[in-house]
Amino acid sequence: MRVLVVEDQRRLAQALAEGLRHEGMAVDVSYDGADALTHVAVNDYDVVVLDRDLPAVHGDQVCRAIVADHAAAKVLMLTASSTIADRIDGLELGADDYLGKPFEFAELVARVRALARRAGVAVPPRLERGEITLDSSRRVAFRGDRRLMLSPKEFALLECLLAADGRVVSAEELLARVWDEAADPFTSTVKTTIGRLRAKLGEPAVIETIREAGYRI
């Protein structure tokens, strides 16, 4: 899942980003509306967490632009004002959901996940292939009866491969879906993480490397 957090309060933005990354999401951060528009023009996001009261370019303008040009991205609008009138205004701008500040982080995560399921092809919360099962709502994965102790990145990588349902997933696609913009596309990040995931999955190996194409389960 690729998420853009747009929030001018830097400490809050970083806290949200770190929390969502801990949940296995790839997260980029913008601190103003102009930078947010640059991000959505360059990257494909499942969800944009958008503060409404932004400097430079107002959140309302950002929301309109995303809705007009990036229909696949879902918008969760944040605001310090949570009156019914404000919620209606935000939804009429094209936002897909609306959350007033202050909020519980667990609720934000639940809303982001719900929007992500609507952003593309619906992926069930429970994925299975052979002996491997993954429950994204509980954040657990198993091989047979053995629970897999995975890092957030390893979990997200496994989820992406299982969701492909046998399709070969390129390293470039994995990098775009599992990592954020800070990842260097010329490093061996994907290969290294695949190696760690293979080791934790154990034998017999279930992740197949397709030469010059990518990986599949």
C-alpha atoms as a PDB file:
ATOM      1  CA  MET A   1       0.000   0.000   0.000  1.00  0.00           C
ATOM      2  CA  ARG A   2       1.429   3.407  -1.015  1.00  0.00           C
ATOM      3  CA  VAL A   3       0.292   6.392   1.073  1.00  0.00           C
ATOM      4  CA  LEU A   4       1.008  10.125   0.900  1.00  0.00           C
ATOM      5  CA  VAL A   5       0.685  12.080   4.159  1.00  0.00           C
ATOM      6  CA  VAL A   6       0.113  15.809   3.566  1.00  0.00           C
ATOM      7  CA  GLU A   7       0.373  17.759   6.824  1.00  0.00           C
ATOM      8  CA  ASP A   8       2.085  21.098   7.543  1.00  0.00           C
ATOM      9  CA  GLN A   9       2.681  20.290  11.229  1.00  0.00           C
ATOM     10  CA  ARG A  10       5.985  18.489  10.756  1.00  0.00           C
ATOM     11  CA  ARG A  11       6.030  16.570  14.032  1.00  0.00           C
ATOM     12  CA  LEU A  12       2.522  15.272  13.407  1.00  0.00           C
ATOM     13  CA  ALA A  13       3.353  14.419   9.799  1.00  0.00           C
ATOM     14  CA  GLN A  14       6.430  12.442  10.818  1.00  0.00           C
ATOM     15  CA  ALA A  15       4.563  10.681  13.627  1.00  0.00           C
ATOM     16  CA  LEU A  16       1.791   9.635  11.234  1.00  0.00           C
ATOM     17  CA  ALA A  17       4.306   8.478   8.634  1.00  0.00           C
ATOM     18  CA  GLU A  18       6.287   6.392  11.125  1.00  0.00           C
ATOM     19  CA  GLY A  19       3.120   4.857  12.534  1.00  0.00           C
ATOM     20  CA  LEU A  20       1.806   3.912   9.088  1.00  0.00           C
ATOM     21  CA  ARG A  21       5.199   2.490   8.091  1.00  0.00           C
ATOM     22  CA  HIS A  22       5.082   0.338  11.215  1.00  0.00           C
ATOM     23  CA  GLU A  23       1.779  -0.978   9.851  1.00  0.00           C
ATOM     24  CA  GLY A  24       3.621  -2.106   6.715  1.00  0.00           C
ATOM     25  CA  MET A  25       2.693   0.778   4.420  1.00  0.00           C
ATOM     26  CA  ALA A  26       5.017   2.686   2.075  1.00  0.00           C
ATOM     27  CA  VAL A  27       4.655   6.331   3.106  1.00  0.00           C
ATOM     28  CA  ASP A  28       5.801   9.615   1.555  1.00  0.00           C
ATOM     29  CA  VAL A  29       5.363  12.997   3.276  1.00  0.00           C
ATOM     30  CA  SER A  30       4.527  16.483   2.018  1.00  0.00           C
ATOM     31  CA  TYR A  31       4.374  19.586   4.223  1.00  0.00           C
ATOM     32  CA  ASP A  32       2.420  21.872   1.883  1.00  0.00           C
ATOM     33  CA  GLY A  33      -0.104  21.698  -0.912  1.00  0.00           C
ATOM     34  CA  ALA A  34       2.268  22.587  -3.745  1.00  0.00           C
ATOM     35  CA  ASP A  35       4.649  19.757  -2.845  1.00  0.00           C
ATOM     36  CA  ALA A  36       1.697  17.373  -2.493  1.00  0.00           C
ATOM     37  CA  LEU A  37       0.616  18.126  -6.058  1.00  0.00           C
ATOM     38  CA  THR A  38       4.145  17.367  -7.260  1.00  0.00           C
ATOM     39  CA  HIS A  39       4.087  14.038  -5.435  1.00  0.00           C
ATOM     40  CA  VAL A  40       0.745  12.900  -6.853  1.00  0.00           C
ATOM     41  CA  ALA A  41       1.866  13.886 -10.352  1.00  0.00           C
ATOM     42  CA  VAL A  42       4.937  11.624 -10.068  1.00  0.00           C
ATOM     43  CA  ASN A  43       3.777   8.675  -7.931  1.00  0.00           C
ATOM     44  CA  ASP A  44       0.738   6.417  -7.853  1.00  0.00           C
ATOM     45  CA  TYR A  45      -0.837   6.433  -4.393  1.00  0.00           C
ATOM     46  CA  ASP A  46      -3.588   4.251  -2.994  1.00  0.00           C
ATOM     47  CA  VAL A  47      -4.501   6.790  -0.303  1.00  0.00           C
ATOM     48  CA  VAL A  48      -3.694  10.457   0.325  1.00  0.00           C
ATOM     49  CA  VAL A  49      -4.076  11.546   3.967  1.00  0.00           C
ATOM     50  CA  LEU A  50      -4.701  15.249   3.418  1.00  0.00           C
ATOM     51  CA  ASP A  51      -4.807  18.031   5.991  1.00  0.00           C
ATOM     52  CA  ARG A  52      -7.375  20.550   4.843  1.00  0.00           C
ATOM     53  CA  ASP A  53      -5.708  23.685   6.225  1.00  0.00           C
ATOM     54  CA  LEU A  54      -2.452  23.811   4.271  1.00  0.00           C
ATOM     55  CA  PRO A  55      -0.181  26.759   3.441  1.00  0.00           C
ATOM     56  CA  ALA A  56       0.633  27.827  -0.149  1.00  0.00           C
ATOM     57  CA  VAL A  57      -1.956  25.652  -1.882  1.00  0.00           C
ATOM     58  CA  HIS A  58      -5.026  24.985   0.276  1.00  0.00           C
ATOM     59  CA  GLY A  59      -6.077  21.408   0.963  1.00  0.00           C
ATOM     60  CA  ASP A  60      -9.347  22.015  -0.887  1.00  0.00           C
ATOM     61  CA  GLN A  61      -7.417  22.755  -4.083  1.00  0.00           C
ATOM     62  CA  VAL A  62      -5.225  19.711  -3.602  1.00  0.00           C
ATOM     63  CA  CYS A  63      -8.299  17.528  -3.122  1.00  0.00           C
ATOM     64  CA  ARG A  64      -9.940  18.878  -6.286  1.00  0.00           C
ATOM     65  CA  ALA A  65      -6.754  18.236  -8.288  1.00  0.00           C
ATOM     66  CA  ILE A  66      -6.403  14.671  -7.012  1.00  0.00           C
ATOM     67  CA  VAL A  67     -10.027  13.894  -7.783  1.00  0.00           C
ATOM     68  CA  ALA A  68      -9.742  15.448 -11.252  1.00  0.00           C
ATOM     69  CA  ASP A  69      -6.459  13.881 -12.331  1.00  0.00           C
ATOM     70  CA  HIS A  70      -5.733  10.902 -10.064  1.00  0.00           C
ATOM     71  CA  ALA A  71      -8.994   9.013  -9.764  1.00  0.00           C
ATOM     72  CA  ALA A  72      -7.333   5.870  -8.411  1.00  0.00           C
ATOM     73  CA  ALA A  73      -6.092   7.640  -5.256  1.00  0.00           C
ATOM     74  CA  LYS A  74      -8.557   7.884  -2.382  1.00  0.00           C
ATOM     75  CA  VAL A  75      -8.513  10.979  -0.184  1.00  0.00           C
ATOM     76  CA  LEU A  76      -8.841  10.942   3.611  1.00  0.00           C
ATOM     77  CA  MET A  77      -9.232  14.574   4.642  1.00  0.00           C
ATOM     78  CA  LEU A  78      -8.086  15.719   8.092  1.00  0.00           C
ATOM     79  CA  THR A  79      -9.180  18.931   9.778  1.00  0.00           C
ATOM     80  CA  ALA A  80      -9.262  20.546  13.198  1.00  0.00           C
ATOM     81  CA  SER A  81     -12.918  21.358  12.582  1.00  0.00           C
ATOM     82  CA  SER A  82     -15.249  18.379  12.569  1.00  0.00           C
ATOM     83  CA  THR A  83     -18.678  20.005  12.321  1.00  0.00           C
ATOM     84  CA  ILE A  84     -21.294  18.405  10.098  1.00  0.00           C
ATOM     85  CA  ALA A  85     -21.090  21.366   7.699  1.00  0.00           C
ATOM     86  CA  ASP A  86     -17.315  20.926   7.337  1.00  0.00           C
ATOM     87  CA  ARG A  87     -17.682  17.211   6.726  1.00  0.00           C
ATOM     88  CA  ILE A  88     -20.255  17.867   4.027  1.00  0.00           C
ATOM     89  CA  ASP A  89     -17.978  20.484   2.427  1.00  0.00           C
ATOM     90  CA  GLY A  90     -15.047  18.084   2.414  1.00  0.00           C
ATOM     91  CA  LEU A  91     -17.036  15.237   0.911  1.00  0.00           C
ATOM     92  CA  GLU A  92     -18.530  17.512  -1.726  1.00  0.00           C
ATOM     93  CA  LEU A  93     -14.995  18.462  -2.764  1.00  0.00           C
ATOM     94  CA  GLY A  94     -14.494  14.817  -3.637  1.00  0.00           C
ATOM     95  CA  ALA A  95     -12.828  13.493  -0.470  1.00  0.00           C
ATOM     96  CA  ASP A  96     -13.616   9.835   0.127  1.00  0.00           C
ATOM     97  CA  ASP A  97     -13.532  10.082   3.917  1.00  0.00           C
ATOM     98  CA  TYR A  98     -13.206  12.751   6.587  1.00  0.00           C
ATOM     99  CA  LEU A  99     -11.582  12.616  10.025  1.00  0.00           C
ATOM    100  CA  GLY A 100     -11.593  15.388  12.597  1.00  0.00           C
ATOM    101  CA  LYS A 101      -8.617  16.236  14.797  1.00  0.00           C
ATOM    102  CA  PRO A 102      -7.797  15.019  17.369  1.00  0.00           C
ATOM    103  CA  PHE A 103      -8.249  11.384  16.380  1.00  0.00           C
ATOM    104  CA  GLU A 104      -7.139   7.957  17.522  1.00  0.00           C
ATOM    105  CA  PHE A 105      -4.330   6.564  15.399  1.00  0.00           C
ATOM    106  CA  ALA A 106      -5.998   3.132  15.269  1.00  0.00           C
ATOM    107  CA  GLU A 107      -9.041   4.722  13.645  1.00  0.00           C
ATOM    108  CA  LEU A 108      -6.852   6.472  11.073  1.00  0.00           C
ATOM    109  CA  VAL A 109      -5.194   3.151  10.193  1.00  0.00           C
ATOM    110  CA  ALA A 110      -8.572   1.438   9.840  1.00  0.00           C
ATOM    111  CA  ARG A 111      -9.877   4.195   7.566  1.00  0.00           C
ATOM    112  CA  VAL A 112      -6.719   4.171   5.417  1.00  0.00           C
ATOM    113  CA  ARG A 113      -6.966   0.401   4.984  1.00  0.00           C
ATOM    114  CA  ALA A 114     -10.658   0.631   4.102  1.00  0.00           C
ATOM    115  CA  LEU A 115      -9.952   3.296   1.470  1.00  0.00           C
ATOM    116  CA  ALA A 116      -7.030   1.299   0.046  1.00  0.00           C
ATOM    117  CA  ARG A 117      -9.325  -1.663  -0.517  1.00  0.00           C
ATOM    118  CA  ARG A 118     -11.472   0.628  -2.663  1.00  0.00           C
ATOM    119  CA  ALA A 119      -8.524   2.176  -4.508  1.00  0.00           C
ATOM    120  CA  GLY A 120      -7.803  -0.777  -6.775  1.00  0.00           C
ATOM    121  CA  VAL A 121      -8.685  -4.409  -7.244  1.00  0.00           C
ATOM    122  CA  ALA A 122     -10.181  -5.589  -3.970  1.00  0.00           C
ATOM    123  CA  VAL A 123      -7.769  -7.793  -2.013  1.00  0.00           C
ATOM    124  CA  PRO A 124      -9.329  -9.959   0.699  1.00  0.00           C
ATOM    125  CA  PRO A 125      -7.943  -9.472   4.216  1.00  0.00           C
ATOM    126  CA  ARG A 126      -7.011 -13.173   4.342  1.00  0.00           C
ATOM    127  CA  LEU A 127      -4.686 -14.473   1.618  1.00  0.00           C
ATOM    128  CA  GLU A 128      -3.736 -18.119   1.107  1.00  0.00           C
ATOM    129  CA  ARG A 129      -1.458 -19.954  -1.299  1.00  0.00           C
ATOM    130  CA  GLY A 130      -0.299 -23.469  -0.532  1.00  0.00           C
ATOM    131  CA  GLU A 131       0.833 -23.628   3.084  1.00  0.00           C
ATOM    132  CA  ILE A 132       1.128 -19.834   3.373  1.00  0.00           C
ATOM    133  CA  THR A 133      -1.656 -17.801   4.955  1.00  0.00           C
ATOM    134  CA  LEU A 134      -1.667 -14.091   5.734  1.00  0.00           C
ATOM    135  CA  ASP A 135      -4.247 -12.081   7.656  1.00  0.00           C
ATOM    136  CA  SER A 136      -3.739  -8.369   6.979  1.00  0.00           C
ATOM    137  CA  SER A 137      -6.345  -7.246   9.536  1.00  0.00           C
ATOM    138  CA  ARG A 138      -4.590  -9.109  12.368  1.00  0.00           C
ATOM    139  CA  ARG A 139      -1.103  -8.551  10.876  1.00  0.00           C
ATOM    140  CA  VAL A 140      -0.148 -12.216  11.174  1.00  0.00           C
ATOM    141  CA  ALA A 141       1.218 -14.763   8.698  1.00  0.00           C
ATOM    142  CA  PHE A 142       1.719 -18.522   8.956  1.00  0.00           C
ATOM    143  CA  ARG A 143       3.355 -21.362   7.120  1.00  0.00           C
ATOM    144  CA  GLY A 144       1.220 -24.296   8.096  1.00  0.00           C
ATOM    145  CA  ASP A 145       0.864 -24.042  11.880  1.00  0.00           C
ATOM    146  CA  ARG A 146       4.087 -22.026  12.296  1.00  0.00           C
ATOM    147  CA  ARG A 147       3.689 -18.299  12.816  1.00  0.00           C
ATOM    148  CA  LEU A 148       6.132 -16.239  10.773  1.00  0.00           C
ATOM    149  CA  MET A 149       7.920 -13.493  12.694  1.00  0.00           C
ATOM    150  CA  LEU A 150       8.195 -10.889   9.940  1.00  0.00           C
ATOM    151  CA  SER A 151       9.323  -7.276   9.901  1.00  0.00           C
ATOM    152  CA  PRO A 152       6.813  -4.725   8.490  1.00  0.00           C
ATOM    153  CA  LYS A 153       8.647  -4.706   5.127  1.00  0.00           C
ATOM    154  CA  GLU A 154       8.804  -8.507   4.952  1.00  0.00           C
ATOM    155  CA  PHE A 155       5.106  -8.717   5.793  1.00  0.00           C
ATOM    156  CA  ALA A 156       4.216  -6.142   3.115  1.00  0.00           C
ATOM    157  CA  LEU A 157       6.378  -7.945   0.558  1.00  0.00           C
ATOM    158  CA  LEU A 158       4.701 -11.281   1.315  1.00  0.00           C
ATOM    159  CA  GLU A 159       1.285  -9.629   1.118  1.00  0.00           C
ATOM    160  CA  CYS A 160       2.112  -8.140  -2.289  1.00  0.00           C
ATOM    161  CA  LEU A 161       3.321 -11.481  -3.663  1.00  0.00           C
ATOM    162  CA  LEU A 162       0.312 -13.390  -2.320  1.00  0.00           C
ATOM    163  CA  ALA A 163      -2.115 -10.783  -3.659  1.00  0.00           C
ATOM    164  CA  ALA A 164      -0.619 -11.275  -7.139  1.00  0.00           C
ATOM    165  CA  ASP A 165      -2.121 -14.801  -7.044  1.00  0.00           C
ATOM    166  CA  GLY A 166       0.667 -16.460  -9.010  1.00  0.00           C
ATOM    167  CA  ARG A 167       1.473 -13.516 -11.267  1.00  0.00           C
ATOM    168  CA  VAL A 168       5.124 -12.550 -11.606  1.00  0.00           C
ATOM    169  CA  VAL A 169       5.778  -9.273  -9.750  1.00  0.00           C
ATOM    170  CA  SER A 170       8.750  -7.243 -10.935  1.00  0.00           C
ATOM    171  CA  ALA A 171      11.326  -5.806  -8.548  1.00  0.00           C
ATOM    172  CA  GLU A 172      10.308  -2.339  -9.766  1.00  0.00           C
ATOM    173  CA  GLU A 173       6.682  -2.960  -8.829  1.00  0.00           C
ATOM    174  CA  LEU A 174       7.654  -4.308  -5.422  1.00  0.00           C
ATOM    175  CA  LEU A 175       9.862  -1.283  -4.821  1.00  0.00           C
ATOM    176  CA  ALA A 176       6.992   1.050  -5.737  1.00  0.00           C
ATOM    177  CA  ARG A 177       4.371  -0.773  -3.649  1.00  0.00           C
ATOM    178  CA  VAL A 178       6.356  -1.683  -0.526  1.00  0.00           C
ATOM    179  CA  TRP A 179       8.950   1.085  -0.189  1.00  0.00           C
ATOM    180  CA  ASP A 180       8.626   4.874  -0.196  1.00  0.00           C
ATOM    181  CA  GLU A 181      10.395   7.499  -2.283  1.00  0.00           C
ATOM    182  CA  ALA A 182      13.491   7.375  -0.044  1.00  0.00           C
ATOM    183  CA  ALA A 183      14.362   3.929  -1.413  1.00  0.00           C
ATOM    184  CA  ASP A 184      17.191   3.937  -3.939  1.00  0.00           C
ATOM    185  CA  PRO A 185      16.008   2.089  -7.080  1.00  0.00           C
ATOM    186  CA  PHE A 186      19.614   1.123  -7.886  1.00  0.00           C
ATOM    187  CA  THR A 187      20.240  -0.756  -4.642  1.00  0.00           C
ATOM    188  CA  SER A 188      19.613  -4.441  -3.890  1.00  0.00           C
ATOM    189  CA  THR A 189      16.906  -3.593  -1.327  1.00  0.00           C
ATOM    190  CA  VAL A 190      14.258  -5.831  -2.882  1.00  0.00           C
ATOM    191  CA  LYS A 191      16.650  -8.748  -3.428  1.00  0.00           C
ATOM    192  CA  THR A 192      17.960  -8.495   0.144  1.00  0.00           C
ATOM    193  CA  THR A 193      14.472  -8.417   1.668  1.00  0.00           C
ATOM    194  CA  ILE A 194      13.363 -11.309  -0.545  1.00  0.00           C
ATOM    195  CA  GLY A 195      16.352 -13.257   0.804  1.00  0.00           C
ATOM    196  CA  ARG A 196      15.363 -12.597   4.417  1.00  0.00           C
ATOM    197  CA  LEU A 197      11.736 -13.507   3.686  1.00  0.00           C
ATOM    198  CA  ARG A 198      12.791 -16.765   2.006  1.00  0.00           C
ATOM    199  CA  ALA A 199      14.851 -17.692   5.048  1.00  0.00           C
ATOM    200  CA  LYS A 200      11.909 -17.103   7.388  1.00  0.00           C
ATOM    201  CA  LEU A 201       9.497 -19.011   5.152  1.00  0.00           C
ATOM    202  CA  GLY A 202      11.822 -22.014   5.279  1.00  0.00           C
ATOM    203  CA  GLU A 203      12.019 -25.101   3.075  1.00  0.00           C
ATOM    204  CA  PRO A 204      10.832 -26.100   0.594  1.00  0.00           C
ATOM    205  CA  ALA A 205      11.221 -22.674  -1.027  1.00  0.00           C
ATOM    206  CA  VAL A 206       7.984 -21.025  -2.140  1.00  0.00           C
ATOM    207  CA  ILE A 207       9.256 -17.760  -3.671  1.00  0.00           C
ATOM    208  CA  GLU A 208      10.394 -18.340  -7.232  1.00  0.00           C
ATOM    209  CA  THR A 209      12.785 -15.981  -9.016  1.00  0.00           C
ATOM    210  CA  ILE A 210      11.902 -15.487 -12.680  1.00  0.00           C
ATOM    211  CA  ARG A 211      15.026 -14.288 -14.441  1.00  0.00           C
ATOM    212  CA  GLU A 212      14.761 -10.725 -15.773  1.00  0.00           C
ATOM    213  CA  ALA A 213      11.080 -10.637 -14.773  1.00  0.00           C
ATOM    214  CA  GLY A 214      10.655 -10.713 -11.004  1.00  0.00           C
ATOM    215  CA  TYR A 215       9.266 -12.973  -8.295  1.00  0.00           C
ATOM    216  CA  ARG A 216       6.187 -15.062  -7.641  1.00  0.00           C
ATOM    217  CA  ILE A 217       4.689 -17.447  -5.109  1.00  0.00           C
END
